[in-house]
């Protein structure tokens, strides 16, 4: 019975580790998307500010 518990525990640890890697990957992607969106927002705001000066 002890061996069965050990295998179950190792299985849970492996699935937790896999999920953690997936979440870290998703988090890295979200950071890239956020950075890209922030850069685009800065460009748009700069364009709007220049446009307002020309009026």
C-alpha atoms as a PDB file:
ATOM      1  CA  UNK A   1       0.000   0.000   0.000  1.00  0.00           C
ATOM      2  CA  UNK A   2       2.873   2.361   0.739  1.00  0.00           C
ATOM      3  CA  UNK A   3       4.142   1.890  -2.812  1.00  0.00           C
ATOM      4  CA  UNK A   4       0.735   2.838  -4.214  1.00  0.00           C
ATOM      5  CA  UNK A   5       0.685   6.063  -2.180  1.00  0.00           C
ATOM      6  CA  UNK A   6       4.210   6.877  -3.357  1.00  0.00           C
ATOM      7  CA  UNK A   7       3.226   6.419  -7.010  1.00  0.00           C
ATOM      8  CA  UNK A   8       0.123   8.590  -6.555  1.00  0.00           C
ATOM      9  CA  UNK A   9       2.187  11.290  -4.857  1.00  0.00           C
ATOM     10  CA  UNK A  10       4.816  11.237  -7.597  1.00  0.00           C
ATOM     11  CA  UNK A  11       2.076  11.391 -10.239  1.00  0.00           C
ATOM     12  CA  UNK A  12       0.531  14.445  -8.596  1.00  0.00           C
ATOM     13  CA  UNK A  13       3.930  16.112  -8.318  1.00  0.00           C
ATOM     14  CA  UNK A  14       4.607  15.440 -12.001  1.00  0.00           C
ATOM     15  CA  UNK A  15       1.249  16.854 -13.076  1.00  0.00           C
ATOM     16  CA  UNK A  16       1.738  19.889 -10.815  1.00  0.00           C
ATOM     17  CA  UNK A  17       5.190  20.474 -12.293  1.00  0.00           C
ATOM     18  CA  UNK A  18       3.786  20.199 -15.820  1.00  0.00           C
ATOM     19  CA  UNK A  19       0.990  22.670 -15.023  1.00  0.00           C
ATOM     20  CA  UNK A  20       3.481  25.049 -13.430  1.00  0.00           C
ATOM     21  CA  UNK A  21       5.588  24.984 -16.615  1.00  0.00           C
ATOM     22  CA  UNK A  22       2.461  25.659 -18.681  1.00  0.00           C
ATOM     23  CA  UNK A  23       1.494  28.591 -16.464  1.00  0.00           C
ATOM     24  CA  UNK A  24       5.007  30.022 -16.619  1.00  0.00           C
ATOM     25  CA  UNK A  25       4.922  29.782 -20.402  1.00  0.00           C
ATOM     26  CA  UNK A  26       1.533  31.510 -20.532  1.00  0.00           C
ATOM     27  CA  UNK A  27       2.813  34.185 -18.162  1.00  0.00           C
ATOM     28  CA  UNK A  28       5.853  34.821 -20.350  1.00  0.00           C
ATOM     29  CA  UNK A  29       3.592  35.183 -23.391  1.00  0.00           C
ATOM     30  CA  UNK A  30       1.311  37.595 -21.546  1.00  0.00           C
ATOM     31  CA  UNK A  31       4.321  39.688 -20.523  1.00  0.00           C
ATOM     32  CA  UNK A  32       5.395  39.919 -24.178  1.00  0.00           C
ATOM     33  CA  UNK A  33       1.888  40.867 -25.292  1.00  0.00           C
ATOM     34  CA  UNK A  34       1.621  43.481 -22.547  1.00  0.00           C
ATOM     35  CA  UNK A  35       4.993  44.980 -23.500  1.00  0.00           C
ATOM     36  CA  UNK A  36       3.958  45.092 -27.157  1.00  0.00           C
ATOM     37  CA  UNK A  37       0.639  46.710 -26.291  1.00  0.00           C
ATOM     38  CA  UNK A  38       2.365  49.266 -24.079  1.00  0.00           C
ATOM     39  CA  UNK A  39       4.781  50.176 -26.874  1.00  0.00           C
ATOM     40  CA  UNK A  40       1.907  50.583 -29.341  1.00  0.00           C
ATOM     41  CA  UNK A  41       0.017  52.752 -26.848  1.00  0.00           C
ATOM     42  CA  UNK A  42       3.034  55.045 -26.477  1.00  0.00           C
ATOM     43  CA  UNK A  43       3.265  55.403 -30.265  1.00  0.00           C
ATOM     44  CA  UNK A  44      -0.451  56.176 -30.567  1.00  0.00           C
ATOM     45  CA  UNK A  45      -0.336  58.741 -27.763  1.00  0.00           C
ATOM     46  CA  UNK A  46       2.697  60.374 -29.382  1.00  0.00           C
ATOM     47  CA  UNK A  47       0.845  60.587 -32.683  1.00  0.00           C
ATOM     48  CA  UNK A  48      -2.195  62.082 -31.016  1.00  0.00           C
ATOM     49  CA  UNK A  49      -0.085  64.632 -29.148  1.00  0.00           C
ATOM     50  CA  UNK A  50       1.622  65.692 -32.387  1.00  0.00           C
ATOM     51  CA  UNK A  51      -1.754  65.921 -34.084  1.00  0.00           C
ATOM     52  CA  UNK A  52      -3.133  68.130 -31.324  1.00  0.00           C
ATOM     53  CA  UNK A  53      -0.158  70.512 -31.640  1.00  0.00           C
ATOM     54  CA  UNK A  54      -0.842  70.902 -35.351  1.00  0.00           C
ATOM     55  CA  UNK A  55      -4.445  72.034 -34.740  1.00  0.00           C
END
